[in-house]
Amino acid sequence: IENGATVMSCDSRSLSTLLIIQDIQKRLYDEKKQTMGSSAPPKPVSPITEILDSRTRSLLDVVSCSAYVMSNQIISSVIAQVSEERDINCVLRELLTAEGSETYIRSVSKFVDLAKEDKMSFWDIALRARQQREVAIGYKPAEMDFREASLLIINPPDKDEERIWAAGDEIITFALD
């Protein structure tokens, strides 16, 4: 917090900025909807805002904002995990610092030659990612958008069941540059 600003004033600025962005998005969406006629444009993405004070969460419900990050809560959770289990610190440092691994969305073709083979399990994909010094943590089928694939994206169920991989499928990985 800079220049003597309070937590509440920072949250107020974040919330007012969020409302302005949502208003601009709504207006642009309505304009596109009118000009496109019967085919509606895709819904705009939800902006994510950082909230410092947990008391601000009730205001987010009033303005119908479900995309926010409670950064102080995340920091508290990390500290609690490290205090319970010191060994987790190296994993969290790798995931949460700028010098550590980054998250990538890769084409399945990076790990599978679809012309030669297309049927394998997520574990097989994870092994191939590991051989390229990456860690596969999930996937998104080409025919689904990210919202529809939310249960598959991170830590997918049935990792050992074979599925047919297709062009456009994406693999979510952690990797160094």
N, C-alpha and C. Protein backbone atom coordinates (compact mmCIF):
# COMPACT_ATOMS: atom_id res chain seq x y z
N ILE A 1 0.85 -1.18 0.00
CA ILE A 1 0.00 0.00 0.00
C ILE A 1 0.90 1.24 0.00
N GLU A 2 0.69 2.06 -1.00
CA GLU A 2 1.57 3.20 -1.21
C GLU A 2 0.91 4.50 -0.79
N ASN A 3 1.73 5.50 -0.49
CA ASN A 3 1.31 6.88 -0.21
C ASN A 3 0.26 6.97 0.89
N GLY A 4 0.36 6.12 1.90
CA GLY A 4 -0.55 6.20 3.03
C GLY A 4 -1.97 5.73 2.77
N ALA A 5 -2.20 5.06 1.68
CA ALA A 5 -3.54 4.57 1.37
C ALA A 5 -3.91 3.46 2.34
N THR A 6 -5.17 3.39 2.70
CA THR A 6 -5.64 2.33 3.58
C THR A 6 -6.09 1.14 2.75
N VAL A 7 -6.24 0.02 3.43
CA VAL A 7 -6.71 -1.19 2.75
C VAL A 7 -8.08 -0.93 2.13
N MET A 8 -8.95 -0.28 2.86
CA MET A 8 -10.30 0.00 2.35
C MET A 8 -10.26 0.93 1.14
N SER A 9 -9.38 1.93 1.15
CA SER A 9 -9.32 2.83 -0.01
C SER A 9 -8.77 2.10 -1.24
N CYS A 10 -7.84 1.18 -1.03
CA CYS A 10 -7.34 0.38 -2.16
C CYS A 10 -8.45 -0.50 -2.72
N ASP A 11 -9.21 -1.12 -1.82
CA ASP A 11 -10.33 -1.94 -2.26
C ASP A 11 -11.39 -1.11 -2.97
N SER A 12 -11.61 0.10 -2.48
CA SER A 12 -12.59 0.99 -3.11
C SER A 12 -12.18 1.33 -4.53
N ARG A 13 -10.89 1.63 -4.73
CA ARG A 13 -10.39 1.92 -6.08
C ARG A 13 -10.53 0.69 -6.98
N SER A 14 -10.18 -0.48 -6.44
CA SER A 14 -10.31 -1.71 -7.24
C SER A 14 -11.75 -1.97 -7.63
N LEU A 15 -12.65 -1.78 -6.68
CA LEU A 15 -14.07 -2.04 -6.92
C LEU A 15 -14.65 -1.04 -7.92
N SER A 16 -14.31 0.23 -7.78
CA SER A 16 -14.83 1.23 -8.73
C SER A 16 -14.28 0.99 -10.13
N THR A 17 -13.02 0.61 -10.23
CA THR A 17 -12.44 0.29 -11.54
C THR A 17 -13.14 -0.91 -12.15
N LEU A 18 -13.41 -1.93 -11.33
CA LEU A 18 -14.12 -3.11 -11.80
C LEU A 18 -15.49 -2.74 -12.34
N LEU A 19 -16.22 -1.90 -11.64
CA LEU A 19 -17.55 -1.49 -12.08
C LEU A 19 -17.50 -0.73 -13.40
N ILE A 20 -16.48 0.12 -13.55
CA ILE A 20 -16.33 0.88 -14.81
C ILE A 20 -16.05 -0.09 -15.96
N ILE A 21 -15.15 -1.05 -15.73
CA ILE A 21 -14.83 -2.03 -16.78
C ILE A 21 -16.06 -2.85 -17.16
N GLN A 22 -16.81 -3.30 -16.14
CA GLN A 22 -18.02 -4.08 -16.42
C GLN A 22 -19.04 -3.26 -17.20
N ASP A 23 -19.16 -1.98 -16.87
CA ASP A 23 -20.10 -1.11 -17.58
C ASP A 23 -19.68 -0.93 -19.04
N ILE A 24 -18.39 -0.71 -19.28
CA ILE A 24 -17.89 -0.57 -20.65
C ILE A 24 -18.12 -1.87 -21.43
N GLN A 25 -17.82 -3.01 -20.79
CA GLN A 25 -18.04 -4.29 -21.45
C GLN A 25 -19.51 -4.48 -21.82
N LYS A 26 -20.41 -4.14 -20.91
CA LYS A 26 -21.85 -4.31 -21.16
C LYS A 26 -22.30 -3.45 -22.32
N ARG A 27 -21.84 -2.19 -22.34
CA ARG A 27 -22.22 -1.30 -23.44
C ARG A 27 -21.70 -1.79 -24.78
N LEU A 28 -20.44 -2.21 -24.82
CA LEU A 28 -19.86 -2.72 -26.06
C LEU A 28 -20.57 -4.00 -26.51
N TYR A 29 -20.90 -4.86 -25.57
CA TYR A 29 -21.62 -6.11 -25.89
C TYR A 29 -22.99 -5.80 -26.47
N ASP A 30 -23.71 -4.85 -25.83
CA ASP A 30 -25.05 -4.48 -26.32
C ASP A 30 -24.97 -3.88 -27.73
N GLU A 31 -23.95 -3.04 -27.99
CA GLU A 31 -23.78 -2.46 -29.32
C GLU A 31 -23.51 -3.54 -30.36
N LYS A 32 -22.63 -4.46 -30.04
CA LYS A 32 -22.33 -5.56 -30.98
C LYS A 32 -23.55 -6.43 -31.21
N LYS A 33 -24.31 -6.65 -30.16
CA LYS A 33 -25.50 -7.48 -30.25
C LYS A 33 -26.50 -6.86 -31.22
N GLN A 34 -26.68 -5.54 -31.15
CA GLN A 34 -27.60 -4.85 -32.04
C GLN A 34 -27.12 -4.89 -33.48
N THR A 35 -25.83 -4.74 -33.71
CA THR A 35 -25.31 -4.71 -35.08
C THR A 35 -25.23 -6.11 -35.70
N MET A 36 -25.09 -7.14 -34.88
CA MET A 36 -24.95 -8.50 -35.41
C MET A 36 -26.30 -9.16 -35.67
N GLY A 37 -27.34 -8.62 -35.10
CA GLY A 37 -28.68 -9.17 -35.35
C GLY A 37 -28.91 -10.48 -34.63
N SER A 38 -29.22 -11.53 -35.38
CA SER A 38 -29.63 -12.80 -34.76
C SER A 38 -28.47 -13.56 -34.13
N SER A 39 -27.26 -13.40 -34.63
CA SER A 39 -26.13 -14.11 -34.04
C SER A 39 -25.49 -13.23 -32.96
N ALA A 40 -25.63 -13.67 -31.72
CA ALA A 40 -25.12 -12.88 -30.60
C ALA A 40 -23.60 -13.03 -30.50
N PRO A 41 -22.90 -11.96 -30.16
CA PRO A 41 -21.45 -12.06 -29.99
C PRO A 41 -21.13 -12.86 -28.72
N PRO A 42 -19.91 -13.37 -28.62
CA PRO A 42 -19.56 -14.10 -27.40
C PRO A 42 -19.58 -13.18 -26.19
N LYS A 43 -19.95 -13.75 -25.05
CA LYS A 43 -19.98 -12.95 -23.81
C LYS A 43 -18.57 -12.48 -23.49
N PRO A 44 -18.44 -11.26 -22.96
CA PRO A 44 -17.10 -10.78 -22.60
C PRO A 44 -16.56 -11.54 -21.40
N VAL A 45 -15.26 -11.59 -21.29
CA VAL A 45 -14.62 -12.26 -20.16
C VAL A 45 -14.85 -11.45 -18.89
N SER A 46 -14.84 -12.13 -17.76
CA SER A 46 -15.03 -11.45 -16.48
C SER A 46 -13.69 -10.92 -15.98
N PRO A 47 -13.59 -9.63 -15.71
CA PRO A 47 -12.34 -9.12 -15.16
C PRO A 47 -12.15 -9.63 -13.73
N ILE A 48 -10.91 -9.79 -13.33
CA ILE A 48 -10.59 -10.26 -11.98
C ILE A 48 -9.97 -9.10 -11.23
N THR A 49 -10.41 -8.89 -10.01
CA THR A 49 -9.88 -7.81 -9.20
C THR A 49 -9.25 -8.37 -7.93
N GLU A 50 -8.26 -7.65 -7.42
CA GLU A 50 -7.61 -8.05 -6.18
C GLU A 50 -8.25 -7.30 -5.02
N ILE A 51 -8.63 -8.05 -4.01
CA ILE A 51 -9.25 -7.48 -2.82
C ILE A 51 -8.35 -7.77 -1.62
N LEU A 52 -8.11 -6.76 -0.80
CA LEU A 52 -7.23 -6.93 0.35
C LEU A 52 -7.99 -7.23 1.64
N ASP A 53 -9.17 -6.65 1.79
CA ASP A 53 -9.93 -6.77 3.03
C ASP A 53 -11.12 -7.72 2.82
N SER A 54 -11.25 -8.70 3.69
CA SER A 54 -12.33 -9.69 3.54
C SER A 54 -13.71 -9.05 3.70
N ARG A 55 -13.80 -7.91 4.35
CA ARG A 55 -15.09 -7.24 4.51
C ARG A 55 -15.63 -6.71 3.18
N THR A 56 -14.75 -6.53 2.21
CA THR A 56 -15.16 -6.05 0.89
C THR A 56 -15.91 -7.13 0.12
N ARG A 57 -15.75 -8.39 0.52
CA ARG A 57 -16.37 -9.50 -0.20
C ARG A 57 -17.89 -9.34 -0.31
N SER A 58 -18.54 -8.83 0.73
CA SER A 58 -19.99 -8.65 0.68
C SER A 58 -20.39 -7.63 -0.39
N LEU A 59 -19.56 -6.62 -0.62
CA LEU A 59 -19.85 -5.66 -1.69
C LEU A 59 -19.74 -6.31 -3.07
N LEU A 60 -18.82 -7.26 -3.20
CA LEU A 60 -18.66 -7.96 -4.48
C LEU A 60 -19.92 -8.75 -4.82
N ASP A 61 -20.58 -9.30 -3.82
CA ASP A 61 -21.84 -10.01 -4.07
C ASP A 61 -22.92 -9.06 -4.58
N VAL A 62 -22.94 -7.86 -4.05
CA VAL A 62 -23.94 -6.87 -4.45
C VAL A 62 -23.79 -6.50 -5.92
N VAL A 63 -22.54 -6.38 -6.39
CA VAL A 63 -22.29 -5.99 -7.79
C VAL A 63 -22.12 -7.20 -8.71
N SER A 64 -22.47 -8.37 -8.21
CA SER A 64 -22.42 -9.62 -8.99
C SER A 64 -21.03 -9.90 -9.55
N CYS A 65 -20.02 -9.76 -8.74
CA CYS A 65 -18.65 -10.05 -9.15
C CYS A 65 -18.21 -11.35 -8.49
N SER A 66 -17.93 -12.34 -9.31
CA SER A 66 -17.46 -13.60 -8.74
C SER A 66 -15.99 -13.82 -9.03
N ALA A 67 -15.37 -12.95 -9.80
CA ALA A 67 -13.97 -13.11 -10.17
C ALA A 67 -13.11 -12.13 -9.38
N TYR A 68 -12.61 -12.60 -8.26
CA TYR A 68 -11.74 -11.76 -7.45
C TYR A 68 -10.70 -12.64 -6.76
N VAL A 69 -9.62 -12.01 -6.33
CA VAL A 69 -8.55 -12.69 -5.61
C VAL A 69 -8.40 -12.00 -4.27
N MET A 70 -8.47 -12.80 -3.22
CA MET A 70 -8.23 -12.28 -1.87
C MET A 70 -6.76 -12.52 -1.56
N SER A 71 -5.89 -11.57 -1.95
CA SER A 71 -4.45 -11.79 -1.87
C SER A 71 -3.98 -12.01 -0.43
N ASN A 72 -4.51 -11.27 0.54
CA ASN A 72 -4.09 -11.47 1.93
C ASN A 72 -4.48 -12.86 2.41
N GLN A 73 -5.62 -13.36 1.97
CA GLN A 73 -6.05 -14.70 2.34
C GLN A 73 -5.12 -15.76 1.74
N ILE A 74 -4.68 -15.53 0.52
CA ILE A 74 -3.74 -16.46 -0.12
C ILE A 74 -2.42 -16.47 0.64
N ILE A 75 -1.93 -15.30 0.98
CA ILE A 75 -0.67 -15.21 1.72
C ILE A 75 -0.81 -15.90 3.08
N SER A 76 -1.92 -15.68 3.76
CA SER A 76 -2.15 -16.34 5.04
C SER A 76 -2.18 -17.85 4.90
N SER A 77 -2.81 -18.34 3.84
CA SER A 77 -2.89 -19.78 3.61
C SER A 77 -1.50 -20.37 3.34
N VAL A 78 -0.69 -19.66 2.57
CA VAL A 78 0.66 -20.13 2.29
C VAL A 78 1.48 -20.18 3.58
N ILE A 79 1.39 -19.15 4.38
CA ILE A 79 2.13 -19.13 5.65
C ILE A 79 1.68 -20.27 6.55
N ALA A 80 0.38 -20.52 6.61
CA ALA A 80 -0.13 -21.61 7.43
C ALA A 80 0.37 -22.97 6.93
N GLN A 81 0.38 -23.17 5.61
CA GLN A 81 0.87 -24.43 5.06
C GLN A 81 2.35 -24.63 5.38
N VAL A 82 3.14 -23.59 5.22
CA VAL A 82 4.58 -23.70 5.48
C VAL A 82 4.84 -23.93 6.96
N SER A 83 4.05 -23.31 7.82
CA SER A 83 4.27 -23.52 9.25
C SER A 83 3.92 -24.95 9.67
N GLU A 84 2.97 -25.56 8.98
CA GLU A 84 2.60 -26.95 9.27
C GLU A 84 3.59 -27.95 8.66
N GLU A 85 4.09 -27.63 7.48
CA GLU A 85 4.97 -28.56 6.75
C GLU A 85 6.03 -27.76 6.01
N ARG A 86 7.22 -27.65 6.61
CA ARG A 86 8.28 -26.82 6.03
C ARG A 86 8.67 -27.24 4.61
N ASP A 87 8.59 -28.53 4.30
CA ASP A 87 9.01 -29.02 2.99
C ASP A 87 8.16 -28.46 1.84
N ILE A 88 6.94 -28.02 2.14
CA ILE A 88 6.06 -27.47 1.10
C ILE A 88 6.57 -26.11 0.61
N ASN A 89 7.44 -25.48 1.38
CA ASN A 89 7.93 -24.15 1.03
C ASN A 89 8.63 -24.16 -0.33
N CYS A 90 9.44 -25.18 -0.61
CA CYS A 90 10.16 -25.19 -1.90
C CYS A 90 9.18 -25.36 -3.07
N VAL A 91 8.11 -26.12 -2.87
CA VAL A 91 7.10 -26.28 -3.92
C VAL A 91 6.37 -24.96 -4.15
N LEU A 92 5.93 -24.33 -3.08
CA LEU A 92 5.20 -23.06 -3.20
C LEU A 92 6.09 -21.97 -3.78
N ARG A 93 7.36 -21.95 -3.39
CA ARG A 93 8.28 -20.95 -3.95
C ARG A 93 8.40 -21.14 -5.46
N GLU A 94 8.49 -22.39 -5.90
CA GLU A 94 8.59 -22.68 -7.33
C GLU A 94 7.35 -22.21 -8.08
N LEU A 95 6.17 -22.39 -7.48
CA LEU A 95 4.91 -22.06 -8.15
C LEU A 95 4.55 -20.58 -8.07
N LEU A 96 4.96 -19.92 -6.98
CA LEU A 96 4.44 -18.57 -6.73
C LEU A 96 5.44 -17.44 -6.97
N THR A 97 6.67 -17.75 -7.31
CA THR A 97 7.62 -16.66 -7.55
C THR A 97 7.86 -16.48 -9.05
N ALA A 98 8.32 -15.31 -9.42
CA ALA A 98 8.57 -15.00 -10.83
C ALA A 98 9.71 -15.85 -11.39
N GLU A 99 10.62 -16.28 -10.54
CA GLU A 99 11.76 -17.07 -11.00
C GLU A 99 11.39 -18.54 -11.19
N GLY A 100 10.27 -18.97 -10.67
CA GLY A 100 9.89 -20.38 -10.72
C GLY A 100 9.21 -20.77 -12.02
N SER A 101 8.54 -21.90 -11.97
CA SER A 101 7.83 -22.41 -13.15
C SER A 101 6.69 -21.48 -13.54
N GLU A 102 6.35 -21.55 -14.81
CA GLU A 102 5.22 -20.79 -15.34
C GLU A 102 4.17 -21.75 -15.85
N THR A 103 2.95 -21.29 -15.95
CA THR A 103 1.87 -22.12 -16.47
C THR A 103 1.74 -21.88 -17.97
N TYR A 104 1.65 -22.98 -18.72
CA TYR A 104 1.52 -22.89 -20.17
C TYR A 104 0.31 -23.70 -20.63
N ILE A 105 -0.29 -23.24 -21.71
CA ILE A 105 -1.35 -24.00 -22.39
C ILE A 105 -0.73 -24.44 -23.71
N ARG A 106 -0.46 -25.75 -23.81
CA ARG A 106 0.24 -26.30 -24.97
C ARG A 106 -0.72 -27.09 -25.86
N SER A 107 -0.43 -27.13 -27.13
CA SER A 107 -1.17 -27.99 -28.04
C SER A 107 -0.81 -29.44 -27.73
N VAL A 108 -1.79 -30.32 -27.82
CA VAL A 108 -1.52 -31.74 -27.57
C VAL A 108 -0.48 -32.28 -28.53
N SER A 109 -0.35 -31.67 -29.70
CA SER A 109 0.61 -32.13 -30.70
C SER A 109 2.06 -31.96 -30.24
N LYS A 110 2.28 -31.18 -29.21
CA LYS A 110 3.63 -31.07 -28.64
C LYS A 110 4.04 -32.39 -27.99
N PHE A 111 3.06 -33.17 -27.54
CA PHE A 111 3.34 -34.41 -26.81
C PHE A 111 2.92 -35.67 -27.57
N VAL A 112 2.08 -35.51 -28.59
CA VAL A 112 1.55 -36.66 -29.33
C VAL A 112 1.60 -36.38 -30.82
N ASP A 113 2.12 -37.34 -31.58
CA ASP A 113 2.06 -37.25 -33.04
C ASP A 113 0.71 -37.83 -33.45
N LEU A 114 -0.28 -36.98 -33.65
CA LEU A 114 -1.65 -37.42 -33.90
C LEU A 114 -1.79 -38.22 -35.19
N ALA A 115 -0.87 -38.07 -36.11
CA ALA A 115 -0.93 -38.85 -37.35
C ALA A 115 -0.59 -40.32 -37.09
N LYS A 116 0.23 -40.59 -36.07
CA LYS A 116 0.66 -41.95 -35.77
C LYS A 116 -0.18 -42.60 -34.68
N GLU A 117 -0.56 -41.81 -33.69
CA GLU A 117 -1.33 -42.34 -32.55
C GLU A 117 -2.20 -41.24 -31.98
N ASP A 118 -3.36 -41.62 -31.51
CA ASP A 118 -4.22 -40.60 -30.92
C ASP A 118 -4.94 -41.10 -29.67
N LYS A 119 -4.79 -42.37 -29.34
CA LYS A 119 -5.49 -42.92 -28.19
C LYS A 119 -4.50 -43.23 -27.08
N MET A 120 -4.62 -42.50 -25.98
CA MET A 120 -3.77 -42.72 -24.81
C MET A 120 -4.38 -42.04 -23.60
N SER A 121 -3.87 -42.37 -22.44
CA SER A 121 -4.40 -41.81 -21.19
C SER A 121 -3.72 -40.47 -20.87
N PHE A 122 -4.30 -39.76 -19.92
CA PHE A 122 -3.67 -38.51 -19.47
C PHE A 122 -2.31 -38.82 -18.84
N TRP A 123 -2.18 -39.96 -18.16
CA TRP A 123 -0.89 -40.34 -17.58
C TRP A 123 0.17 -40.46 -18.66
N ASP A 124 -0.20 -41.00 -19.83
CA ASP A 124 0.75 -41.11 -20.93
C ASP A 124 1.20 -39.72 -21.39
N ILE A 125 0.26 -38.81 -21.47
CA ILE A 125 0.58 -37.42 -21.84
C ILE A 125 1.50 -36.81 -20.79
N ALA A 126 1.17 -37.05 -19.51
CA ALA A 126 1.98 -36.51 -18.42
C ALA A 126 3.42 -37.03 -18.48
N LEU A 127 3.58 -38.31 -18.82
CA LEU A 127 4.92 -38.88 -18.95
C LEU A 127 5.69 -38.21 -20.09
N ARG A 128 5.04 -38.00 -21.20
CA ARG A 128 5.70 -37.33 -22.33
C ARG A 128 6.04 -35.88 -21.99
N ALA A 129 5.17 -35.23 -21.24
CA ALA A 129 5.48 -33.86 -20.80
C ALA A 129 6.70 -33.88 -19.88
N ARG A 130 6.73 -34.85 -18.99
CA ARG A 130 7.86 -34.97 -18.05
C ARG A 130 9.17 -35.18 -18.79
N GLN A 131 9.13 -35.94 -19.88
CA GLN A 131 10.34 -36.17 -20.67
C GLN A 131 10.84 -34.88 -21.33
N GLN A 132 9.96 -33.89 -21.43
CA GLN A 132 10.34 -32.58 -21.98
C GLN A 132 10.52 -31.54 -20.86
N ARG A 133 10.67 -32.05 -19.63
CA ARG A 133 10.90 -31.22 -18.43
C ARG A 133 9.72 -30.29 -18.15
N GLU A 134 8.52 -30.82 -18.35
CA GLU A 134 7.29 -30.11 -18.03
C GLU A 134 6.44 -31.01 -17.15
N VAL A 135 5.51 -30.41 -16.42
CA VAL A 135 4.58 -31.17 -15.58
C VAL A 135 3.17 -30.90 -16.09
N ALA A 136 2.52 -31.93 -16.63
CA ALA A 136 1.15 -31.78 -17.11
C ALA A 136 0.21 -31.83 -15.91
N ILE A 137 -0.65 -30.81 -15.80
CA ILE A 137 -1.57 -30.76 -14.66
C ILE A 137 -3.03 -30.83 -15.08
N GLY A 138 -3.29 -30.81 -16.39
CA GLY A 138 -4.68 -30.88 -16.84
C GLY A 138 -4.77 -30.75 -18.35
N TYR A 139 -6.01 -30.78 -18.85
CA TYR A 139 -6.22 -30.64 -20.28
C TYR A 139 -7.58 -30.03 -20.56
N LYS A 140 -7.73 -29.53 -21.81
CA LYS A 140 -9.01 -29.00 -22.28
C LYS A 140 -9.27 -29.56 -23.66
N PRO A 141 -10.37 -30.31 -23.82
CA PRO A 141 -10.72 -30.81 -25.15
C PRO A 141 -11.06 -29.66 -26.10
N ALA A 142 -10.78 -29.86 -27.38
CA ALA A 142 -11.00 -28.81 -28.39
C ALA A 142 -12.47 -28.40 -28.48
N GLU A 143 -13.39 -29.36 -28.30
CA GLU A 143 -14.81 -29.05 -28.49
C GLU A 143 -15.45 -28.33 -27.30
N MET A 144 -14.69 -28.10 -26.24
CA MET A 144 -15.23 -27.41 -25.05
C MET A 144 -14.53 -26.08 -24.86
N ASP A 145 -15.28 -25.09 -24.35
CA ASP A 145 -14.60 -23.88 -23.95
C ASP A 145 -14.10 -24.09 -22.52
N PHE A 146 -13.37 -23.12 -21.99
CA PHE A 146 -12.75 -23.30 -20.68
C PHE A 146 -13.78 -23.47 -19.57
N ARG A 147 -14.92 -22.81 -19.67
CA ARG A 147 -15.95 -22.97 -18.63
C ARG A 147 -16.52 -24.38 -18.63
N GLU A 148 -16.81 -24.90 -19.81
CA GLU A 148 -17.36 -26.25 -19.91
C GLU A 148 -16.37 -27.31 -19.43
N ALA A 149 -15.09 -27.04 -19.62
CA ALA A 149 -14.06 -28.02 -19.29
C ALA A 149 -13.49 -27.82 -17.88
N SER A 150 -14.16 -27.05 -17.06
CA SER A 150 -13.59 -26.69 -15.75
C SER A 150 -13.24 -27.90 -14.90
N LEU A 151 -13.97 -29.00 -15.01
CA LEU A 151 -13.66 -30.18 -14.22
C LEU A 151 -12.51 -30.99 -14.81
N LEU A 152 -12.17 -30.72 -16.05
CA LEU A 152 -11.08 -31.45 -16.70
C LEU A 152 -9.78 -30.67 -16.67
N ILE A 153 -9.86 -29.39 -16.50
CA ILE A 153 -8.68 -28.56 -16.70
C ILE A 153 -7.57 -28.89 -15.70
N ILE A 154 -7.86 -28.83 -14.43
CA ILE A 154 -6.82 -29.08 -13.43
C ILE A 154 -7.14 -30.38 -12.70
N ASN A 155 -6.15 -31.25 -12.61
CA ASN A 155 -6.29 -32.55 -11.95
C ASN A 155 -7.51 -33.31 -12.45
N PRO A 156 -7.48 -33.69 -13.72
CA PRO A 156 -8.65 -34.34 -14.32
C PRO A 156 -8.95 -35.70 -13.68
N PRO A 157 -10.22 -36.08 -13.64
CA PRO A 157 -10.57 -37.41 -13.14
C PRO A 157 -10.21 -38.47 -14.20
N ASP A 158 -10.16 -39.71 -13.79
CA ASP A 158 -9.94 -40.83 -14.72
C ASP A 158 -8.69 -40.66 -15.57
N LYS A 159 -7.59 -40.33 -14.92
CA LYS A 159 -6.34 -40.09 -15.64
C LYS A 159 -5.82 -41.34 -16.35
N ASP A 160 -6.21 -42.52 -15.87
CA ASP A 160 -5.69 -43.75 -16.46
C ASP A 160 -6.55 -44.28 -17.61
N GLU A 161 -7.70 -43.67 -17.84
CA GLU A 161 -8.55 -44.11 -18.95
C GLU A 161 -8.06 -43.50 -20.26
N GLU A 162 -7.96 -44.34 -21.28
CA GLU A 162 -7.53 -43.84 -22.58
C GLU A 162 -8.64 -43.03 -23.22
N ARG A 163 -8.25 -42.00 -23.92
CA ARG A 163 -9.19 -41.18 -24.68
C ARG A 163 -8.56 -40.88 -26.02
N ILE A 164 -9.37 -40.47 -26.95
CA ILE A 164 -8.86 -40.11 -28.27
C ILE A 164 -8.54 -38.62 -28.26
N TRP A 165 -7.28 -38.31 -28.48
CA TRP A 165 -6.81 -36.93 -28.52
C TRP A 165 -6.96 -36.41 -29.94
N ALA A 166 -7.32 -35.14 -30.06
CA ALA A 166 -7.56 -34.56 -31.38
C ALA A 166 -6.84 -33.22 -31.51
N ALA A 167 -6.65 -32.80 -32.74
CA ALA A 167 -6.07 -31.48 -32.99
C ALA A 167 -6.95 -30.44 -32.31
N GLY A 168 -6.36 -29.51 -31.64
CA GLY A 168 -7.09 -28.48 -30.91
C GLY A 168 -7.21 -28.77 -29.43
N ASP A 169 -6.97 -30.03 -29.00
CA ASP A 169 -6.93 -30.32 -27.57
C ASP A 169 -5.73 -29.60 -26.98
N GLU A 170 -5.87 -29.16 -25.74
CA GLU A 170 -4.78 -28.41 -25.11
C GLU A 170 -4.40 -29.06 -23.80
N ILE A 171 -3.11 -29.02 -23.48
CA ILE A 171 -2.56 -29.58 -22.27
C ILE A 171 -2.04 -28.42 -21.43
N ILE A 172 -2.42 -28.40 -20.15
CA ILE A 172 -1.95 -27.35 -19.23
C ILE A 172 -0.74 -27.89 -18.49
N THR A 173 0.37 -27.15 -18.54
CA THR A 173 1.60 -27.62 -17.93
C THR A 173 2.27 -26.54 -17.10
N PHE A 174 3.13 -26.98 -16.19
CA PHE A 174 4.09 -26.12 -15.53
C PHE A 174 5.43 -26.39 -16.17
N ALA A 175 6.20 -25.33 -16.47
CA ALA A 175 7.51 -25.50 -17.07
C ALA A 175 8.34 -24.25 -16.84
N LEU A 176 9.66 -24.42 -16.90
CA LEU A 176 10.55 -23.28 -16.90
C LEU A 176 10.59 -22.73 -18.32
N ASP A 177 11.07 -21.50 -18.48
CA ASP A 177 11.13 -20.89 -19.82
C ASP A 177 11.79 -21.79 -20.83
